[in-house]
């Protein structure tokens, strides 16, 4: 399956300013597979190490973490001759070995010609909670996410359709109705399957939604296990309660996260560490309200007002225990959840494209789902789950701030009218 991050990895390999690379991201997003495929494609050989599968590997880093000491040992343990520039060294699940992470500083300073990548599922948690000796300024860092909807379509053999979608997006030309309907069907399938590579692979080969759901439940179970294994004892229950409550809050008309909905009397002081853990693990993303529409947006965020979205919409639907058929046919029984589900999907696609997302709300309650910086401009993005695109809030925003243009995502076909760029939900990857 094609992963867009391969282009980044290839550029990293060729860069004159290459540093040791940290590839972070939630569990099961495809980090290990992608790195091994990258190594097989662009290097003569790969020396792969996994601290979780081989705990004794940790002892190799206990005495000395200089490349001069480590490389011969790693060569012996992997059965591979490690050659500068020709071998890709991969250290996986590096959050289990602090000194392996610290060794990157010395690879950068003493032996920059070695190509080394470390990967970890809970690096954010480990670095922030265990006070790791992090090699600040000595590494490149890249976050990997689940597959976006374009990668999903490509995995299903839809190369021509994705190319047509991109063309229509750039030209604001409607898709032929037959293709539009087919792409909307793929969008609904993506809501069910999500972007976890194992789920996409199984769907591409079987189209079996029951098998997909079983796989998603296993991933969710691994997340719960991580909450217990890599968390403070007194935070485990709070973290699980918070995670379980996210899907509930996305069913509300106002999807702003409220601590009081976790349990009666809950306050920020009690649960903010749980929110931080979930965010650092990559399981969820937290987006803040901006109080003013000015650059830089980060200066005007309200730290007390935020939304939380799950990193993968397929896992969101699995956690909500929604039936595939209800999503595929957009059952009326899901009306309370459709808006939150569409928002969650769009946020994931925007984050995958490198956007820092925010939202905005007026004093009278007009709300814009996402505020992004695109092409140097601050652009409002409104999301509707169906083809009813009446958006009073967007009108309020445009009258107040006069943006260069706005983006409306919905089930409607491409178009551009009244300074509003209409984009079908399936084309969110184009933004």
Protein backbone atom coordinates (compact mmCIF):
# COMPACT_ATOMS: atom_id res chain seq x y z
CA UNK A 1 0.00 0.00 0.00
CA UNK A 2 1.28 3.43 -0.95
CA UNK A 3 2.09 5.73 1.98
CA UNK A 4 2.71 9.40 1.33
CA UNK A 5 5.31 9.55 4.08
CA UNK A 6 7.68 7.59 1.81
CA UNK A 7 8.34 10.82 -0.12
CA UNK A 8 9.45 12.48 3.14
CA UNK A 9 11.70 9.54 4.02
CA UNK A 10 13.32 9.58 0.58
CA UNK A 11 13.99 13.32 0.91
CA UNK A 12 15.43 12.71 4.39
CA UNK A 13 17.84 10.12 2.98
CA UNK A 14 19.08 12.50 0.28
CA UNK A 15 19.33 15.62 2.45
CA UNK A 16 22.75 17.15 3.05
CA UNK A 17 21.45 18.27 6.45
CA UNK A 18 20.09 14.88 7.46
CA UNK A 19 20.00 14.12 11.19
CA UNK A 20 19.02 10.91 12.98
CA UNK A 21 15.26 10.60 12.54
CA UNK A 22 12.60 10.04 15.20
CA UNK A 23 9.40 8.63 13.69
CA UNK A 24 6.60 8.89 16.22
CA UNK A 25 2.91 8.09 16.09
CA UNK A 26 0.15 6.05 17.69
CA UNK A 27 0.36 2.28 17.79
CA UNK A 28 -0.61 0.40 14.61
CA UNK A 29 -0.34 3.34 12.17
CA UNK A 30 2.27 1.50 10.11
CA UNK A 31 5.60 2.87 11.34
CA UNK A 32 7.49 -0.43 11.37
CA UNK A 33 6.18 -1.68 8.03
CA UNK A 34 6.89 1.66 6.33
CA UNK A 35 10.44 1.88 7.66
CA UNK A 36 11.25 -1.69 6.65
CA UNK A 37 9.81 -1.06 3.18
CA UNK A 38 11.78 2.18 2.96
CA UNK A 39 14.96 0.33 3.93
CA UNK A 40 14.41 -2.48 1.44
CA UNK A 41 13.71 0.01 -1.36
CA UNK A 42 16.44 2.59 -0.84
CA UNK A 43 19.28 0.81 0.99
CA UNK A 44 21.54 -2.17 0.39
CA UNK A 45 20.55 -3.71 3.72
CA UNK A 46 18.56 -3.03 6.90
CA UNK A 47 19.62 -3.59 10.53
CA UNK A 48 16.36 -3.79 12.48
CA UNK A 49 16.04 -3.90 16.28
CA UNK A 50 12.95 -4.00 18.50
CA UNK A 51 13.30 -3.23 22.21
CA UNK A 52 9.89 -4.71 22.99
CA UNK A 53 10.51 -8.01 21.19
CA UNK A 54 14.14 -8.29 22.37
CA UNK A 55 14.44 -6.83 25.91
CA UNK A 56 18.07 -7.94 26.23
CA UNK A 57 18.89 -5.39 23.52
CA UNK A 58 18.60 -2.70 26.21
CA UNK A 59 21.77 -4.00 27.86
CA UNK A 60 23.79 -3.09 24.75
CA UNK A 61 23.17 0.59 25.55
CA UNK A 62 23.97 0.44 29.27
CA UNK A 63 27.75 0.87 29.14
CA UNK A 64 28.51 3.16 26.21
CA UNK A 65 26.27 4.90 23.68
CA UNK A 66 28.91 6.17 21.26
CA UNK A 67 28.61 4.95 17.64
CA UNK A 68 32.15 3.55 17.83
CA UNK A 69 31.02 1.19 20.60
CA UNK A 70 27.46 0.50 19.42
CA UNK A 71 27.84 -0.19 15.70
CA UNK A 72 29.96 -3.39 16.02
CA UNK A 73 27.53 -4.74 18.64
CA UNK A 74 24.49 -3.90 16.52
CA UNK A 75 26.13 -5.46 13.47
CA UNK A 76 26.71 -8.67 15.41
CA UNK A 77 23.20 -8.77 16.90
CA UNK A 78 21.47 -8.14 13.56
CA UNK A 79 23.70 -10.35 11.45
CA UNK A 80 24.11 -7.39 9.10
CA UNK A 81 27.27 -5.48 8.20
CA UNK A 82 26.39 -1.87 8.97
CA UNK A 83 27.92 0.42 6.35
CA UNK A 84 27.76 4.22 6.39
CA UNK A 85 25.19 5.49 3.93
CA UNK A 86 24.28 2.01 2.68
CA UNK A 87 22.62 0.47 5.74
CA UNK A 88 19.45 1.73 7.39
CA UNK A 89 19.57 1.23 11.17
CA UNK A 90 16.08 0.99 12.72
CA UNK A 91 15.54 1.05 16.50
CA UNK A 92 11.88 0.22 17.16
CA UNK A 93 9.82 0.78 20.35
CA UNK A 94 12.62 3.07 21.51
CA UNK A 95 10.47 4.48 24.32
CA UNK A 96 11.58 1.40 26.29
CA UNK A 97 15.25 2.42 26.22
CA UNK A 98 16.11 5.98 27.23
CA UNK A 99 19.81 5.59 26.41
CA UNK A 100 19.05 4.46 22.86
CA UNK A 101 17.22 7.74 22.32
CA UNK A 102 20.11 9.65 23.92
CA UNK A 103 22.59 7.89 21.60
CA UNK A 104 21.18 9.80 18.63
CA UNK A 105 23.05 12.88 19.84
CA UNK A 106 26.36 11.07 19.38
CA UNK A 107 25.43 9.61 16.01
CA UNK A 108 24.72 13.18 14.88
CA UNK A 109 27.90 14.66 16.37
CA UNK A 110 30.39 11.83 15.77
CA UNK A 111 29.10 9.70 12.87
CA UNK A 112 26.53 11.65 10.82
CA UNK A 113 27.09 9.38 7.80
CA UNK A 114 25.21 6.54 9.50
CA UNK A 115 21.54 6.52 8.55
CA UNK A 116 19.58 5.78 11.72
CA UNK A 117 15.84 5.96 12.45
CA UNK A 118 14.13 5.30 15.76
CA UNK A 119 10.41 4.64 16.07
CA UNK A 120 8.07 4.52 19.03
CA UNK A 121 4.37 4.39 19.75
CA UNK A 122 4.45 6.29 23.04
CA UNK A 123 7.47 8.54 22.64
CA UNK A 124 5.53 11.67 23.58
CA UNK A 125 4.41 10.07 26.82
CA UNK A 126 7.87 8.67 27.62
CA UNK A 127 9.74 11.90 26.97
CA UNK A 128 7.33 14.06 28.95
CA UNK A 129 6.71 11.76 31.88
CA UNK A 130 10.00 9.92 32.37
CA UNK A 131 12.25 12.95 31.84
CA UNK A 132 14.22 11.32 29.04
CA UNK A 133 17.51 12.88 28.03
CA UNK A 134 16.11 14.10 24.73
CA UNK A 135 18.65 15.01 21.99
CA UNK A 136 17.27 18.49 21.39
CA UNK A 137 18.47 19.96 18.09
CA UNK A 138 20.32 16.78 17.14
CA UNK A 139 17.44 14.92 15.46
CA UNK A 140 14.76 15.25 12.81
CA UNK A 141 11.25 14.44 14.06
CA UNK A 142 8.30 13.25 11.98
CA UNK A 143 4.87 12.14 13.13
CA UNK A 144 3.11 9.34 11.25
CA UNK A 145 -0.67 9.11 11.18
CA UNK A 146 -3.24 6.59 9.94
CA UNK A 147 -3.82 6.45 6.18
CA UNK A 148 -5.84 9.34 4.79
CA UNK A 149 -8.79 8.82 2.47
CA UNK A 150 -6.63 9.23 -0.65
CA UNK A 151 -4.29 6.45 0.52
CA UNK A 152 -7.41 4.40 1.26
CA UNK A 153 -8.72 4.94 -2.28
CA UNK A 154 -5.32 4.11 -3.79
CA UNK A 155 -5.22 0.88 -1.79
CA UNK A 156 -8.52 -0.01 -3.47
CA UNK A 157 -7.09 0.68 -6.93
CA UNK A 158 -8.80 4.06 -7.46
CA UNK A 159 -5.85 5.96 -8.96
CA UNK A 160 -7.87 7.55 -11.79
CA UNK A 161 -10.62 8.64 -9.42
CA UNK A 162 -8.22 10.32 -6.99
CA UNK A 163 -6.55 12.14 -9.88
CA UNK A 164 -9.97 13.35 -11.09
CA UNK A 165 -10.86 14.52 -7.58
CA UNK A 166 -7.68 16.59 -7.38
CA UNK A 167 -8.37 18.16 -10.77
CA UNK A 168 -11.93 19.11 -9.81
CA UNK A 169 -10.71 20.54 -6.51
CA UNK A 170 -8.15 22.78 -8.22
CA UNK A 171 -10.56 23.96 -10.94
CA UNK A 172 -13.75 24.10 -8.80
CA UNK A 173 -15.44 21.97 -11.45
CA UNK A 174 -18.21 19.53 -10.47
CA UNK A 175 -17.44 15.83 -10.73
CA UNK A 176 -19.67 13.82 -13.10
CA UNK A 177 -22.58 12.72 -10.93
CA UNK A 178 -21.77 9.02 -11.31
CA UNK A 179 -18.21 9.55 -10.09
CA UNK A 180 -19.37 11.88 -7.33
CA UNK A 181 -21.77 9.21 -6.04
CA UNK A 182 -19.03 6.58 -6.20
CA UNK A 183 -16.62 8.82 -4.27
CA UNK A 184 -19.27 9.52 -1.61
CA UNK A 185 -19.72 5.77 -1.23
CA UNK A 186 -15.97 5.41 -0.71
CA UNK A 187 -16.11 8.20 1.87
CA UNK A 188 -18.74 6.30 3.86
CA UNK A 189 -16.68 3.12 3.58
CA UNK A 190 -13.68 5.03 4.91
CA UNK A 191 -15.73 6.15 7.91
CA UNK A 192 -16.29 2.48 8.75
CA UNK A 193 -12.82 1.14 7.94
CA UNK A 194 -10.69 4.13 8.88
CA UNK A 195 -7.01 4.44 8.04
CA UNK A 196 -5.29 1.82 10.16
CA UNK A 197 -3.18 -0.07 7.59
CA UNK A 198 -4.16 -3.54 8.80
CA UNK A 199 -7.84 -2.64 8.52
CA UNK A 200 -7.40 -1.11 5.04
CA UNK A 201 -5.44 -4.13 3.83
CA UNK A 202 -8.09 -6.56 5.07
CA UNK A 203 -10.88 -4.47 3.57
CA UNK A 204 -9.11 -4.30 0.19
CA UNK A 205 -8.85 -8.09 0.09
CA UNK A 206 -12.10 -9.19 1.77
CA UNK A 207 -14.67 -6.34 2.02
CA UNK A 208 -15.61 -8.06 5.29
CA UNK A 209 -16.82 -5.42 7.77
CA UNK A 210 -17.09 -7.93 10.60
CA UNK A 211 -13.40 -8.82 10.19
CA UNK A 212 -12.52 -5.12 10.10
CA UNK A 213 -14.43 -4.46 13.32
CA UNK A 214 -12.67 -7.34 15.06
CA UNK A 215 -9.30 -5.87 14.02
CA UNK A 216 -10.33 -2.42 15.24
CA UNK A 217 -11.43 -3.83 18.59
CA UNK A 218 -8.03 -5.48 19.00
CA UNK A 219 -6.32 -2.14 18.33
CA UNK A 220 -8.58 -0.43 20.86
CA UNK A 221 -7.72 -3.14 23.39
CA UNK A 222 -4.01 -2.51 22.82
CA UNK A 223 -4.62 1.19 23.53
CA UNK A 224 -6.31 0.32 26.82
CA UNK A 225 -3.37 -1.91 27.71
CA UNK A 226 -0.96 0.94 26.99
CA UNK A 227 -2.97 3.20 29.30
CA UNK A 228 -2.29 0.73 32.09
CA UNK A 229 1.30 -0.15 31.18
CA UNK A 230 2.69 3.31 30.42
CA UNK A 231 0.77 5.49 32.85
CA UNK A 232 0.93 6.53 36.48
CA UNK A 233 -1.12 4.18 38.66
CA UNK A 234 -3.49 6.90 39.89
CA UNK A 235 -4.04 8.14 36.32
CA UNK A 236 -5.09 4.86 34.66
CA UNK A 237 -8.78 5.01 35.56
CA UNK A 238 -9.01 8.71 34.74
CA UNK A 239 -7.39 8.19 31.34
CA UNK A 240 -9.78 5.37 30.45
CA UNK A 241 -12.79 7.37 31.63
CA UNK A 242 -11.70 10.33 29.51
CA UNK A 243 -11.10 8.21 26.43
CA UNK A 244 -14.46 6.47 26.78
CA UNK A 245 -16.20 9.82 27.12
CA UNK A 246 -14.83 11.38 23.93
CA UNK A 247 -17.30 9.54 21.70
CA UNK A 248 -20.14 10.67 23.97
CA UNK A 249 -19.10 14.31 23.69
CA UNK A 250 -18.87 14.10 19.89
CA UNK A 251 -22.58 13.21 19.89
CA UNK A 252 -23.48 16.53 21.49
CA UNK A 253 -24.64 19.51 19.44
CA UNK A 254 -21.78 21.48 20.98
CA UNK A 255 -18.72 19.26 20.54
CA UNK A 256 -16.51 21.39 22.83
CA UNK A 257 -14.94 19.09 25.40
CA UNK A 258 -16.45 19.45 28.88
CA UNK A 259 -14.86 17.84 31.93
CA UNK A 260 -18.19 17.80 33.75
CA UNK A 261 -19.52 15.27 31.23
CA UNK A 262 -16.86 12.69 32.19
CA UNK A 263 -18.50 12.24 35.56
CA UNK A 264 -20.60 14.30 37.94
CA UNK A 265 -18.53 17.08 39.48
CA UNK A 266 -15.44 16.44 37.35
CA UNK A 267 -12.99 19.33 37.03
CA UNK A 268 -9.98 20.14 34.86
CA UNK A 269 -7.52 19.66 37.71
CA UNK A 270 -8.64 16.05 38.07
CA UNK A 271 -8.58 15.04 34.41
CA UNK A 272 -6.15 17.33 32.58
CA UNK A 273 -3.27 14.84 32.97
CA UNK A 274 -5.46 12.19 31.34
CA UNK A 275 -6.13 14.48 28.38
CA UNK A 276 -2.40 15.21 28.12
CA UNK A 277 -1.54 11.48 28.13
CA UNK A 278 -4.03 10.71 25.36
CA UNK A 279 -2.75 13.61 23.26
CA UNK A 280 0.93 12.74 23.73
CA UNK A 281 0.25 9.10 22.84
CA UNK A 282 -1.20 10.16 19.48
CA UNK A 283 -4.51 8.46 20.20
CA UNK A 284 -6.39 11.76 20.11
CA UNK A 285 -5.79 15.32 18.97
CA UNK A 286 -6.76 18.42 20.90
CA UNK A 287 -7.76 21.61 19.09
CA UNK A 288 -8.25 24.95 20.80
CA UNK A 289 -10.63 27.84 20.29
CA UNK A 290 -9.04 31.04 19.02
CA UNK A 291 -10.33 34.24 20.56
CA UNK A 292 -9.09 36.48 17.75
CA UNK A 293 -8.49 35.88 14.05
CA UNK A 294 -4.98 37.25 13.86
CA UNK A 295 -1.55 35.89 13.02
CA UNK A 296 -0.09 33.96 14.69
CA UNK A 297 -3.22 32.08 15.70
CA UNK A 298 -1.32 30.24 18.43
CA UNK A 299 -1.03 33.52 20.36
CA UNK A 300 -4.81 33.81 20.61
CA UNK A 301 -5.84 30.31 21.64
CA UNK A 302 -8.05 29.84 24.69
CA UNK A 303 -6.40 27.07 26.71
CA UNK A 304 -9.62 26.39 28.61
CA UNK A 305 -11.79 25.82 25.52
CA UNK A 306 -10.93 22.91 23.26
CA UNK A 307 -12.28 19.92 21.37
CA UNK A 308 -10.89 16.40 21.30
CA UNK A 309 -11.00 14.20 18.23
CA UNK A 310 -9.95 10.56 17.90
CA UNK A 311 -6.96 10.03 15.59
CA UNK A 312 -8.77 7.52 13.37
CA UNK A 313 -12.44 7.78 12.40
CA UNK A 314 -12.74 4.00 11.93
CA UNK A 315 -11.66 3.46 15.54
CA UNK A 316 -14.12 6.16 16.57
CA UNK A 317 -17.00 4.25 14.96
CA UNK A 318 -15.75 0.97 16.44
CA UNK A 319 -15.55 2.52 19.89
CA UNK A 320 -19.08 3.82 19.43
CA UNK A 321 -20.05 0.26 18.38
CA UNK A 322 -21.85 1.54 15.28
CA UNK A 323 -23.08 -0.96 12.70
CA UNK A 324 -21.38 -0.67 9.33
CA UNK A 325 -24.71 -0.58 7.48
CA UNK A 326 -25.95 2.36 9.54
CA UNK A 327 -22.88 4.38 8.50
CA UNK A 328 -22.90 3.23 4.87
CA UNK A 329 -26.52 4.30 4.47
CA UNK A 330 -26.35 7.20 6.94
CA UNK A 331 -29.23 5.96 9.07
CA UNK A 332 -31.43 8.61 10.66
CA UNK A 333 -30.68 6.95 14.00
CA UNK A 334 -27.17 8.42 13.73
CA UNK A 335 -28.38 12.02 13.30
CA UNK A 336 -26.99 13.11 16.68
CA UNK A 337 -23.57 11.70 15.83
CA UNK A 338 -23.21 12.53 12.12
CA UNK A 339 -21.91 16.04 12.73
CA UNK A 340 -19.27 14.99 15.25
CA UNK A 341 -18.21 12.07 13.06
CA UNK A 342 -17.77 14.32 10.00
CA UNK A 343 -15.81 16.86 12.08
CA UNK A 344 -13.57 14.10 13.41
CA UNK A 345 -12.92 12.85 9.88
CA UNK A 346 -12.08 16.31 8.55
CA UNK A 347 -9.78 17.11 11.45
CA UNK A 348 -7.84 13.91 10.77
CA UNK A 349 -7.41 14.79 7.09
CA UNK A 350 -6.28 18.34 7.91
CA UNK A 351 -3.78 17.14 10.52
CA UNK A 352 -2.44 14.57 8.05
CA UNK A 353 -1.79 17.43 5.62
CA UNK A 354 0.23 19.28 8.24
CA UNK A 355 -2.30 21.85 9.39
CA UNK A 356 -2.52 23.14 12.94
CA UNK A 357 -6.29 23.29 13.47
CA UNK A 358 -8.32 25.63 15.67
CA UNK A 359 -11.99 26.56 15.95
CA UNK A 360 -13.79 29.87 16.49
CA UNK A 361 -16.97 30.90 18.30
CA UNK A 362 -18.65 34.28 18.49
CA UNK A 363 -20.12 35.78 21.65
CA UNK A 364 -23.58 34.85 20.39
CA UNK A 365 -22.66 31.23 19.67
CA UNK A 366 -21.88 31.27 15.93
CA UNK A 367 -19.20 28.60 15.46
CA UNK A 368 -16.70 27.73 12.74
CA UNK A 369 -15.53 24.13 12.90
CA UNK A 370 -11.93 24.75 11.81
CA UNK A 371 -9.63 27.69 11.34
CA UNK A 372 -6.42 26.94 9.40
CA UNK A 373 -3.50 28.77 7.81
CA UNK A 374 -3.52 27.91 4.08
CA UNK A 375 -1.23 29.60 1.58
CA UNK A 376 -0.43 32.33 4.08
CA UNK A 377 -4.11 33.14 4.62
CA UNK A 378 -6.35 32.42 7.63
CA UNK A 379 -9.17 30.31 6.16
CA UNK A 380 -12.41 29.20 7.86
CA UNK A 381 -13.53 25.62 7.19
CA UNK A 382 -17.17 24.67 7.75
CA UNK A 383 -18.21 20.99 7.88
CA UNK A 384 -21.67 19.58 7.16
CA UNK A 385 -22.39 15.86 7.19
CA UNK A 386 -25.06 16.03 4.44
CA UNK A 387 -25.82 18.20 1.40
CA UNK A 388 -27.72 20.82 3.39
CA UNK A 389 -25.01 23.47 3.42
CA UNK A 390 -26.84 26.43 4.94
CA UNK A 391 -24.25 27.83 7.30
CA UNK A 392 -25.34 30.94 9.22
CA UNK A 393 -22.19 30.82 11.32
CA UNK A 394 -20.00 31.02 8.24
CA UNK A 395 -21.91 34.11 7.11
CA UNK A 396 -21.34 35.73 10.50
CA UNK A 397 -17.62 34.94 10.31
CA UNK A 398 -17.22 36.25 6.76
CA UNK A 399 -19.03 39.50 7.53
CA UNK A 400 -16.84 40.04 10.60
CA UNK A 401 -13.41 39.06 9.26
CA UNK A 402 -13.67 39.18 5.42
CA UNK A 403 -11.42 36.15 4.70
CA UNK A 404 -9.97 35.75 1.21
CA UNK A 405 -12.37 32.80 0.81
CA UNK A 406 -14.00 30.07 2.90
CA UNK A 407 -14.19 26.31 2.48
CA UNK A 408 -17.44 24.39 2.93
CA UNK A 409 -17.19 20.61 3.19
CA UNK A 410 -20.39 18.62 2.69
CA UNK A 411 -22.00 15.97 0.51
CA UNK A 412 -22.43 18.54 -2.30
CA UNK A 413 -20.34 18.53 -5.47
CA UNK A 414 -17.45 20.90 -6.16
CA UNK A 415 -18.17 24.56 -6.80
CA UNK A 416 -17.27 28.15 -5.95
CA UNK A 417 -19.90 30.79 -5.17
CA UNK A 418 -20.13 33.88 -2.93
CA UNK A 419 -16.44 33.53 -2.08
CA UNK A 420 -17.09 30.04 -0.70
CA UNK A 421 -15.26 27.02 -2.09
CA UNK A 422 -17.57 23.99 -1.88
CA UNK A 423 -15.68 20.73 -1.42
CA UNK A 424 -17.20 17.24 -1.14
CA UNK A 425 -16.26 15.42 2.06
CA UNK A 426 -14.34 12.79 0.10
CA UNK A 427 -11.97 15.50 -1.18
CA UNK A 428 -10.82 16.73 2.24
CA UNK A 429 -7.37 15.29 1.45
CA UNK A 430 -6.94 17.95 -1.25
CA UNK A 431 -7.04 20.90 1.14
